[in-house]
Amino acid sequence: MGLPRKLKNFNLFQNGVSFMGMVPEVTLPKLSRKMEEYRAGGMSGPVSVDFGNEALSLEWNAGGLIAEALKQYGAHSHSAVQLRFAGAYQEDDDGTVAAVEVVVRGRYKEIDMGAAKMGDDTTHKYTMACSYYKLMIDGATVIELDFMSGTENFGGGDTNAAIRKAIGL
């Protein structure tokens, strides 16, 4: 029997700059496929047809003012800002630690600086619309999605290669 690996600590980087000690919470992107039910003559029930990925977003909270993050608001490129989540997931039965990284590129669509009240703790919430996503465990790529290039890699294989070839890309 083994115990699941649990997140023991993490750090967030923006364009290579560490936000250690400044970010108490990160909500990693939810991976979701756009599926449509299809049923035609002779079928005994519907099947879900896969039409690719839904939009991705990453949210994080800052424990206060981070000027470097605020300066990225209004970036013109869909991939202007890179965020890297580095997490340490540890098993409590044998102490094994897995290094988990999530790298996204995108731009901030919302910055909520919250309520400002003298003497109270402040939290600023950042929401990024992502055009690129990569999940790595112990340095191995598990999932990589690049919306602009049309690539989708799951465990090392590009599942969209034949589609890109068929449309001349």
N, C-alpha and C. Protein backbone atom coordinates (compact mmCIF):
# COMPACT_ATOMS: atom_id res chain seq x y z
N MET A 1 0.83 -1.19 0.00
CA MET A 1 0.00 0.00 0.00
C MET A 1 0.87 1.24 0.00
N GLY A 2 0.41 2.26 -0.67
CA GLY A 2 1.13 3.52 -0.68
C GLY A 2 0.17 4.67 -0.43
N LEU A 3 0.72 5.74 0.05
CA LEU A 3 -0.06 6.95 0.25
C LEU A 3 0.13 7.87 -0.93
N PRO A 4 -0.87 8.67 -1.27
CA PRO A 4 -0.72 9.60 -2.40
C PRO A 4 0.26 10.71 -2.07
N ARG A 5 0.88 11.22 -3.10
CA ARG A 5 1.76 12.37 -2.92
C ARG A 5 0.91 13.61 -2.67
N LYS A 6 1.28 14.36 -1.65
CA LYS A 6 0.55 15.58 -1.29
C LYS A 6 1.47 16.78 -1.46
N LEU A 7 0.89 17.90 -1.85
CA LEU A 7 1.66 19.13 -2.02
C LEU A 7 2.17 19.58 -0.66
N LYS A 8 3.50 19.67 -0.51
CA LYS A 8 4.11 20.10 0.74
C LYS A 8 4.58 21.54 0.68
N ASN A 9 4.96 22.02 -0.50
CA ASN A 9 5.38 23.41 -0.65
C ASN A 9 5.40 23.75 -2.13
N PHE A 10 5.39 25.05 -2.43
CA PHE A 10 5.43 25.47 -3.83
C PHE A 10 6.02 26.86 -3.93
N ASN A 11 6.36 27.23 -5.14
CA ASN A 11 6.80 28.59 -5.45
C ASN A 11 6.20 28.95 -6.81
N LEU A 12 6.04 30.24 -7.04
CA LEU A 12 5.54 30.74 -8.32
C LEU A 12 6.55 31.72 -8.88
N PHE A 13 6.82 31.59 -10.17
CA PHE A 13 7.76 32.46 -10.88
C PHE A 13 7.01 33.16 -12.01
N GLN A 14 7.29 34.43 -12.22
CA GLN A 14 6.75 35.17 -13.36
C GLN A 14 7.93 35.63 -14.20
N ASN A 15 7.98 35.18 -15.45
CA ASN A 15 9.08 35.52 -16.36
C ASN A 15 10.43 35.30 -15.70
N GLY A 16 10.54 34.20 -14.95
CA GLY A 16 11.80 33.82 -14.31
C GLY A 16 12.06 34.45 -12.95
N VAL A 17 11.22 35.38 -12.51
CA VAL A 17 11.41 36.05 -11.22
C VAL A 17 10.61 35.30 -10.15
N SER A 18 11.29 34.91 -9.07
CA SER A 18 10.66 34.18 -7.99
C SER A 18 9.76 35.08 -7.15
N PHE A 19 8.57 34.58 -6.84
CA PHE A 19 7.65 35.26 -5.94
C PHE A 19 7.60 34.53 -4.59
N MET A 20 8.72 33.92 -4.18
CA MET A 20 8.79 33.19 -2.92
C MET A 20 8.33 34.07 -1.76
N GLY A 21 7.45 33.53 -0.94
CA GLY A 21 6.95 34.24 0.22
C GLY A 21 5.85 35.24 -0.06
N MET A 22 5.48 35.42 -1.33
CA MET A 22 4.49 36.43 -1.70
C MET A 22 3.16 35.85 -2.17
N VAL A 23 3.13 34.56 -2.47
CA VAL A 23 1.94 33.94 -3.08
C VAL A 23 1.44 32.80 -2.19
N PRO A 24 0.34 33.03 -1.46
CA PRO A 24 -0.17 31.97 -0.59
C PRO A 24 -1.03 30.92 -1.30
N GLU A 25 -1.52 31.23 -2.52
CA GLU A 25 -2.44 30.30 -3.18
C GLU A 25 -2.37 30.43 -4.70
N VAL A 26 -2.37 29.27 -5.37
CA VAL A 26 -2.41 29.20 -6.84
C VAL A 26 -3.51 28.21 -7.22
N THR A 27 -4.36 28.59 -8.16
CA THR A 27 -5.34 27.67 -8.72
C THR A 27 -4.87 27.33 -10.13
N LEU A 28 -4.39 26.11 -10.28
CA LEU A 28 -3.84 25.67 -11.57
C LEU A 28 -4.97 25.51 -12.59
N PRO A 29 -4.63 25.57 -13.89
CA PRO A 29 -5.67 25.47 -14.92
C PRO A 29 -6.45 24.16 -14.85
N LYS A 30 -7.74 24.26 -15.06
CA LYS A 30 -8.60 23.09 -15.18
C LYS A 30 -8.55 22.65 -16.64
N LEU A 31 -8.17 21.40 -16.85
CA LEU A 31 -8.12 20.85 -18.21
C LEU A 31 -9.49 20.30 -18.56
N SER A 32 -10.04 20.79 -19.66
CA SER A 32 -11.39 20.39 -20.06
C SER A 32 -11.49 20.36 -21.58
N ARG A 33 -12.09 19.31 -22.10
CA ARG A 33 -12.28 19.17 -23.54
C ARG A 33 -13.67 19.65 -23.93
N LYS A 34 -13.77 20.24 -25.12
CA LYS A 34 -15.07 20.64 -25.68
C LYS A 34 -15.65 19.40 -26.36
N MET A 35 -16.73 18.89 -25.81
CA MET A 35 -17.35 17.67 -26.33
C MET A 35 -18.80 17.97 -26.73
N GLU A 36 -19.20 17.40 -27.84
CA GLU A 36 -20.59 17.52 -28.32
C GLU A 36 -21.14 16.12 -28.51
N GLU A 37 -22.35 15.92 -28.03
CA GLU A 37 -22.99 14.61 -28.24
C GLU A 37 -23.44 14.48 -29.69
N TYR A 38 -23.27 13.26 -30.23
CA TYR A 38 -23.69 12.98 -31.60
C TYR A 38 -24.41 11.63 -31.60
N ARG A 39 -25.56 11.62 -32.26
CA ARG A 39 -26.30 10.38 -32.41
C ARG A 39 -26.98 10.40 -33.77
N ALA A 40 -26.86 9.31 -34.49
CA ALA A 40 -27.45 9.20 -35.83
C ALA A 40 -28.14 7.84 -35.96
N GLY A 41 -28.78 7.66 -37.11
CA GLY A 41 -29.50 6.42 -37.37
C GLY A 41 -28.64 5.19 -37.14
N GLY A 42 -29.22 4.18 -36.52
CA GLY A 42 -28.53 2.93 -36.28
C GLY A 42 -27.73 2.89 -34.98
N MET A 43 -27.54 4.05 -34.36
CA MET A 43 -26.79 4.09 -33.10
C MET A 43 -27.78 3.90 -31.95
N SER A 44 -27.36 3.13 -30.94
CA SER A 44 -28.25 2.90 -29.80
C SER A 44 -28.12 3.96 -28.72
N GLY A 45 -27.21 4.89 -28.91
CA GLY A 45 -27.03 5.98 -27.95
C GLY A 45 -26.02 6.97 -28.48
N PRO A 46 -25.92 8.12 -27.83
CA PRO A 46 -24.98 9.15 -28.30
C PRO A 46 -23.54 8.85 -27.91
N VAL A 47 -22.63 9.38 -28.70
CA VAL A 47 -21.21 9.37 -28.36
C VAL A 47 -20.75 10.83 -28.29
N SER A 48 -19.75 11.08 -27.50
CA SER A 48 -19.21 12.43 -27.39
C SER A 48 -18.11 12.62 -28.42
N VAL A 49 -18.26 13.65 -29.25
CA VAL A 49 -17.26 13.98 -30.26
C VAL A 49 -16.36 15.06 -29.68
N ASP A 50 -15.05 14.86 -29.79
CA ASP A 50 -14.05 15.75 -29.21
C ASP A 50 -13.71 16.87 -30.19
N PHE A 51 -13.92 18.11 -29.78
CA PHE A 51 -13.60 19.27 -30.60
C PHE A 51 -12.46 20.10 -30.02
N GLY A 52 -11.59 19.48 -29.25
CA GLY A 52 -10.42 20.18 -28.73
C GLY A 52 -10.61 20.70 -27.32
N ASN A 53 -9.74 21.59 -26.94
CA ASN A 53 -9.69 22.09 -25.57
C ASN A 53 -10.61 23.28 -25.34
N GLU A 54 -11.08 23.39 -24.11
CA GLU A 54 -11.76 24.59 -23.64
C GLU A 54 -10.67 25.60 -23.27
N ALA A 55 -11.06 26.84 -23.03
CA ALA A 55 -10.11 27.88 -22.63
C ALA A 55 -9.46 27.51 -21.30
N LEU A 56 -8.20 27.91 -21.14
CA LEU A 56 -7.45 27.67 -19.91
C LEU A 56 -7.22 28.97 -19.17
N SER A 57 -7.29 28.91 -17.85
CA SER A 57 -6.93 30.07 -17.05
C SER A 57 -6.24 29.60 -15.78
N LEU A 58 -5.35 30.43 -15.28
CA LEU A 58 -4.65 30.19 -14.03
C LEU A 58 -4.91 31.39 -13.13
N GLU A 59 -5.22 31.11 -11.87
CA GLU A 59 -5.46 32.18 -10.90
C GLU A 59 -4.45 32.05 -9.77
N TRP A 60 -4.02 33.19 -9.29
CA TRP A 60 -3.16 33.18 -8.11
C TRP A 60 -3.42 34.41 -7.26
N ASN A 61 -3.17 34.24 -5.97
CA ASN A 61 -3.37 35.32 -5.02
C ASN A 61 -2.02 35.80 -4.51
N ALA A 62 -1.87 37.11 -4.45
CA ALA A 62 -0.67 37.71 -3.86
C ALA A 62 -1.04 38.20 -2.47
N GLY A 63 -0.10 38.06 -1.54
CA GLY A 63 -0.33 38.51 -0.18
C GLY A 63 -0.24 40.01 -0.01
N GLY A 64 -0.03 40.72 -1.10
CA GLY A 64 0.08 42.17 -1.08
C GLY A 64 0.49 42.67 -2.45
N LEU A 65 1.05 43.84 -2.47
CA LEU A 65 1.42 44.52 -3.72
C LEU A 65 2.67 43.89 -4.34
N ILE A 66 2.57 43.49 -5.62
CA ILE A 66 3.71 43.00 -6.39
C ILE A 66 3.74 43.80 -7.69
N ALA A 67 4.58 44.82 -7.73
CA ALA A 67 4.63 45.73 -8.88
C ALA A 67 4.99 45.01 -10.17
N GLU A 68 5.89 44.00 -10.09
CA GLU A 68 6.31 43.28 -11.30
C GLU A 68 5.12 42.62 -11.99
N ALA A 69 4.16 42.13 -11.21
CA ALA A 69 2.98 41.50 -11.79
C ALA A 69 2.03 42.54 -12.37
N LEU A 70 1.84 43.63 -11.65
CA LEU A 70 0.94 44.68 -12.13
C LEU A 70 1.40 45.27 -13.45
N LYS A 71 2.71 45.34 -13.66
CA LYS A 71 3.27 45.92 -14.89
C LYS A 71 2.96 45.09 -16.13
N GLN A 72 2.57 43.83 -15.93
CA GLN A 72 2.28 42.95 -17.07
C GLN A 72 0.84 43.08 -17.57
N TYR A 73 0.00 43.80 -16.83
CA TYR A 73 -1.39 43.97 -17.25
C TYR A 73 -1.44 44.77 -18.55
N GLY A 74 -2.28 44.35 -19.47
CA GLY A 74 -2.43 45.05 -20.74
C GLY A 74 -1.40 44.65 -21.78
N ALA A 75 -0.68 43.55 -21.55
CA ALA A 75 0.30 43.08 -22.53
C ALA A 75 -0.40 42.80 -23.86
N HIS A 76 0.26 43.12 -24.96
CA HIS A 76 -0.35 42.99 -26.28
C HIS A 76 -0.31 41.57 -26.85
N SER A 77 0.65 40.77 -26.45
CA SER A 77 0.79 39.42 -26.99
C SER A 77 0.01 38.41 -26.15
N HIS A 78 -0.57 37.42 -26.82
CA HIS A 78 -1.33 36.37 -26.13
C HIS A 78 -0.43 35.53 -25.23
N SER A 79 0.88 35.61 -25.42
CA SER A 79 1.81 34.79 -24.63
C SER A 79 2.89 35.64 -23.95
N ALA A 80 2.54 36.86 -23.60
CA ALA A 80 3.52 37.82 -23.08
C ALA A 80 4.09 37.45 -21.72
N VAL A 81 3.29 36.78 -20.90
CA VAL A 81 3.71 36.49 -19.52
C VAL A 81 3.84 34.99 -19.34
N GLN A 82 4.96 34.57 -18.77
CA GLN A 82 5.14 33.16 -18.42
C GLN A 82 5.06 33.02 -16.91
N LEU A 83 4.24 32.09 -16.46
CA LEU A 83 4.19 31.72 -15.05
C LEU A 83 4.65 30.28 -14.92
N ARG A 84 5.44 30.03 -13.88
CA ARG A 84 5.89 28.66 -13.60
C ARG A 84 5.59 28.32 -12.15
N PHE A 85 4.74 27.33 -11.97
CA PHE A 85 4.43 26.79 -10.65
C PHE A 85 5.38 25.63 -10.42
N ALA A 86 6.13 25.67 -9.33
CA ALA A 86 7.03 24.57 -8.96
C ALA A 86 6.55 24.03 -7.63
N GLY A 87 6.07 22.79 -7.64
CA GLY A 87 5.53 22.19 -6.42
C GLY A 87 6.29 20.95 -6.01
N ALA A 88 6.38 20.74 -4.70
CA ALA A 88 7.00 19.54 -4.14
C ALA A 88 5.88 18.67 -3.57
N TYR A 89 5.65 17.52 -4.19
CA TYR A 89 4.62 16.58 -3.75
C TYR A 89 5.31 15.39 -3.10
N GLN A 90 4.98 15.12 -1.84
CA GLN A 90 5.69 14.10 -1.08
C GLN A 90 4.75 12.99 -0.62
N GLU A 91 5.26 11.74 -0.69
CA GLU A 91 4.54 10.59 -0.14
C GLU A 91 4.87 10.49 1.34
N ASP A 92 3.87 10.25 2.17
CA ASP A 92 4.11 10.16 3.60
C ASP A 92 4.44 8.75 4.07
N ASP A 93 4.47 7.78 3.17
CA ASP A 93 4.88 6.45 3.61
C ASP A 93 6.39 6.25 3.48
N ASP A 94 6.99 6.74 2.41
CA ASP A 94 8.44 6.57 2.25
C ASP A 94 9.19 7.89 2.07
N GLY A 95 8.49 9.01 2.03
CA GLY A 95 9.15 10.32 1.94
C GLY A 95 9.57 10.73 0.55
N THR A 96 9.26 9.93 -0.46
CA THR A 96 9.64 10.26 -1.84
C THR A 96 8.99 11.58 -2.26
N VAL A 97 9.79 12.44 -2.88
CA VAL A 97 9.31 13.75 -3.33
C VAL A 97 9.30 13.78 -4.85
N ALA A 98 8.20 14.24 -5.42
CA ALA A 98 8.11 14.45 -6.87
C ALA A 98 8.11 15.95 -7.14
N ALA A 99 8.94 16.36 -8.09
CA ALA A 99 8.96 17.76 -8.52
C ALA A 99 7.93 17.93 -9.62
N VAL A 100 6.93 18.75 -9.37
CA VAL A 100 5.85 18.98 -10.34
C VAL A 100 5.92 20.43 -10.79
N GLU A 101 6.00 20.63 -12.09
CA GLU A 101 6.03 21.99 -12.65
C GLU A 101 4.88 22.15 -13.63
N VAL A 102 4.23 23.30 -13.53
CA VAL A 102 3.23 23.70 -14.52
C VAL A 102 3.70 25.04 -15.07
N VAL A 103 3.93 25.08 -16.37
CA VAL A 103 4.35 26.30 -17.05
C VAL A 103 3.20 26.74 -17.95
N VAL A 104 2.81 28.00 -17.82
CA VAL A 104 1.79 28.56 -18.69
C VAL A 104 2.31 29.86 -19.28
N ARG A 105 1.82 30.17 -20.47
CA ARG A 105 2.06 31.49 -21.07
C ARG A 105 0.71 32.08 -21.43
N GLY A 106 0.62 33.38 -21.26
CA GLY A 106 -0.63 34.06 -21.55
C GLY A 106 -0.54 35.52 -21.19
N ARG A 107 -1.67 36.09 -20.81
CA ARG A 107 -1.70 37.47 -20.34
C ARG A 107 -2.81 37.61 -19.31
N TYR A 108 -2.63 38.61 -18.46
CA TYR A 108 -3.61 38.81 -17.39
C TYR A 108 -4.89 39.40 -17.96
N LYS A 109 -6.01 38.74 -17.65
CA LYS A 109 -7.30 39.28 -18.06
C LYS A 109 -7.99 39.99 -16.91
N GLU A 110 -7.55 39.73 -15.70
CA GLU A 110 -8.15 40.41 -14.55
C GLU A 110 -7.17 40.49 -13.40
N ILE A 111 -7.12 41.66 -12.78
CA ILE A 111 -6.38 41.87 -11.54
C ILE A 111 -7.35 42.51 -10.56
N ASP A 112 -7.62 41.81 -9.48
CA ASP A 112 -8.55 42.29 -8.46
C ASP A 112 -7.75 42.62 -7.21
N MET A 113 -7.60 43.91 -6.93
CA MET A 113 -6.80 44.34 -5.79
C MET A 113 -7.60 44.31 -4.49
N GLY A 114 -8.86 43.89 -4.55
CA GLY A 114 -9.65 43.68 -3.35
C GLY A 114 -9.92 44.94 -2.56
N ALA A 115 -10.38 44.74 -1.34
CA ALA A 115 -10.71 45.85 -0.45
C ALA A 115 -9.44 46.38 0.22
N ALA A 116 -9.37 47.69 0.33
CA ALA A 116 -8.25 48.33 1.02
C ALA A 116 -8.77 48.89 2.33
N LYS A 117 -8.29 48.30 3.42
CA LYS A 117 -8.72 48.76 4.74
C LYS A 117 -7.48 48.86 5.63
N MET A 118 -7.30 50.03 6.19
CA MET A 118 -6.13 50.28 7.01
C MET A 118 -6.01 49.25 8.14
N GLY A 119 -4.83 48.68 8.27
CA GLY A 119 -4.56 47.74 9.34
C GLY A 119 -5.00 46.32 9.06
N ASP A 120 -5.66 46.05 7.92
CA ASP A 120 -6.09 44.70 7.58
C ASP A 120 -5.17 44.10 6.52
N ASP A 121 -5.12 42.78 6.53
CA ASP A 121 -4.34 42.06 5.53
C ASP A 121 -4.98 42.28 4.16
N THR A 122 -4.17 42.33 3.12
CA THR A 122 -4.67 42.53 1.76
C THR A 122 -4.35 41.32 0.90
N THR A 123 -5.20 41.07 -0.06
CA THR A 123 -4.98 40.02 -1.04
C THR A 123 -5.31 40.58 -2.41
N HIS A 124 -4.41 40.35 -3.36
CA HIS A 124 -4.64 40.74 -4.74
C HIS A 124 -4.78 39.45 -5.55
N LYS A 125 -5.83 39.38 -6.37
CA LYS A 125 -6.10 38.18 -7.16
C LYS A 125 -5.80 38.45 -8.63
N TYR A 126 -5.02 37.57 -9.23
CA TYR A 126 -4.63 37.67 -10.64
C TYR A 126 -5.23 36.50 -11.40
N THR A 127 -5.83 36.79 -12.57
CA THR A 127 -6.37 35.76 -13.44
C THR A 127 -5.72 35.88 -14.81
N MET A 128 -5.10 34.80 -15.26
CA MET A 128 -4.40 34.79 -16.54
C MET A 128 -5.14 33.91 -17.54
N ALA A 129 -5.39 34.42 -18.75
CA ALA A 129 -5.88 33.62 -19.87
C ALA A 129 -4.66 32.99 -20.52
N CYS A 130 -4.65 31.67 -20.62
CA CYS A 130 -3.46 30.94 -21.06
C CYS A 130 -3.60 30.46 -22.51
N SER A 131 -2.52 30.60 -23.28
CA SER A 131 -2.48 30.05 -24.63
C SER A 131 -1.50 28.88 -24.73
N TYR A 132 -0.78 28.62 -23.64
CA TYR A 132 0.19 27.53 -23.58
C TYR A 132 0.16 26.91 -22.19
N TYR A 133 0.30 25.58 -22.14
CA TYR A 133 0.27 24.85 -20.87
C TYR A 133 1.22 23.67 -20.97
N LYS A 134 2.01 23.47 -19.92
CA LYS A 134 2.90 22.31 -19.88
C LYS A 134 2.97 21.79 -18.45
N LEU A 135 2.70 20.49 -18.28
CA LEU A 135 2.79 19.82 -16.99
C LEU A 135 3.95 18.83 -17.05
N MET A 136 4.88 18.98 -16.09
CA MET A 136 6.03 18.07 -16.00
C MET A 136 6.08 17.47 -14.61
N ILE A 137 6.41 16.19 -14.54
CA ILE A 137 6.63 15.51 -13.27
C ILE A 137 8.03 14.93 -13.30
N ASP A 138 8.85 15.36 -12.35
CA ASP A 138 10.26 14.95 -12.27
C ASP A 138 10.98 15.15 -13.61
N GLY A 139 10.70 16.26 -14.27
CA GLY A 139 11.38 16.62 -15.51
C GLY A 139 10.80 16.02 -16.77
N ALA A 140 9.87 15.08 -16.65
CA ALA A 140 9.26 14.44 -17.82
C ALA A 140 7.95 15.14 -18.17
N THR A 141 7.80 15.49 -19.45
CA THR A 141 6.57 16.14 -19.90
C THR A 141 5.43 15.13 -19.92
N VAL A 142 4.35 15.48 -19.22
CA VAL A 142 3.16 14.63 -19.17
C VAL A 142 2.10 15.15 -20.13
N ILE A 143 1.87 16.47 -20.11
CA ILE A 143 0.90 17.12 -20.99
C ILE A 143 1.49 18.44 -21.47
N GLU A 144 1.36 18.71 -22.78
CA GLU A 144 1.78 20.01 -23.32
C GLU A 144 0.75 20.43 -24.36
N LEU A 145 0.20 21.62 -24.17
CA LEU A 145 -0.81 22.17 -25.08
C LEU A 145 -0.34 23.53 -25.56
N ASP A 146 -0.23 23.69 -26.86
CA ASP A 146 0.13 24.99 -27.44
C ASP A 146 -0.98 25.35 -28.42
N PHE A 147 -1.88 26.23 -27.98
CA PHE A 147 -3.06 26.54 -28.77
C PHE A 147 -2.73 27.19 -30.10
N MET A 148 -1.73 28.05 -30.15
CA MET A 148 -1.42 28.76 -31.40
C MET A 148 -0.75 27.85 -32.43
N SER A 149 0.05 26.89 -32.00
CA SER A 149 0.68 25.99 -32.96
C SER A 149 -0.18 24.76 -33.23
N GLY A 150 -1.22 24.56 -32.43
CA GLY A 150 -2.11 23.42 -32.63
C GLY A 150 -1.55 22.11 -32.14
N THR A 151 -0.52 22.14 -31.29
CA THR A 151 0.07 20.89 -30.80
C THR A 151 -0.57 20.48 -29.48
N GLU A 152 -0.74 19.17 -29.34
CA GLU A 152 -1.23 18.56 -28.12
C GLU A 152 -0.39 17.32 -27.86
N ASN A 153 0.43 17.37 -26.84
CA ASN A 153 1.28 16.24 -26.48
C ASN A 153 0.79 15.64 -25.17
N PHE A 154 0.53 14.35 -25.20
CA PHE A 154 0.12 13.63 -24.00
C PHE A 154 1.08 12.46 -23.82
N GLY A 155 1.94 12.53 -22.83
CA GLY A 155 2.89 11.44 -22.58
C GLY A 155 3.91 11.27 -23.69
N GLY A 156 4.19 12.30 -24.45
CA GLY A 156 5.24 12.24 -25.46
C GLY A 156 4.77 12.20 -26.90
N GLY A 157 3.50 11.92 -27.16
CA GLY A 157 3.03 11.86 -28.54
C GLY A 157 2.15 13.05 -28.89
N ASP A 158 2.38 13.63 -30.08
CA ASP A 158 1.59 14.77 -30.54
C ASP A 158 0.34 14.23 -31.23
N THR A 159 -0.79 14.35 -30.57
CA THR A 159 -2.04 13.79 -31.10
C THR A 159 -2.63 14.60 -32.23
N ASN A 160 -2.14 15.81 -32.46
CA ASN A 160 -2.68 16.64 -33.53
C ASN A 160 -1.77 16.69 -34.77
N ALA A 161 -0.71 15.92 -34.81
CA ALA A 161 0.23 15.98 -35.93
C ALA A 161 -0.46 15.68 -37.26
N ALA A 162 -1.30 14.67 -37.31
CA ALA A 162 -1.97 14.29 -38.56
C ALA A 162 -2.95 15.38 -39.01
N ILE A 163 -3.62 16.02 -38.06
CA ILE A 163 -4.55 17.10 -38.41
C ILE A 163 -3.79 18.29 -38.98
N ARG A 164 -2.68 18.66 -38.35
CA ARG A 164 -1.88 19.79 -38.87
C ARG A 164 -1.35 19.48 -40.26
N LYS A 165 -0.92 18.25 -40.48
CA LYS A 165 -0.42 17.85 -41.80
C LYS A 165 -1.53 17.94 -42.85
N ALA A 166 -2.74 17.51 -42.48
CA ALA A 166 -3.87 17.52 -43.42
C ALA A 166 -4.26 18.93 -43.84
N ILE A 167 -4.00 19.92 -43.00
CA ILE A 167 -4.36 21.30 -43.34
C ILE A 167 -3.15 22.13 -43.77
N GLY A 168 -2.03 21.44 -44.05
CA GLY A 168 -0.86 22.12 -44.61
C GLY A 168 0.02 22.85 -43.61
N LEU A 169 -0.01 22.45 -42.38
CA LEU A 169 0.85 23.08 -41.36
C LEU A 169 1.99 22.18 -40.95
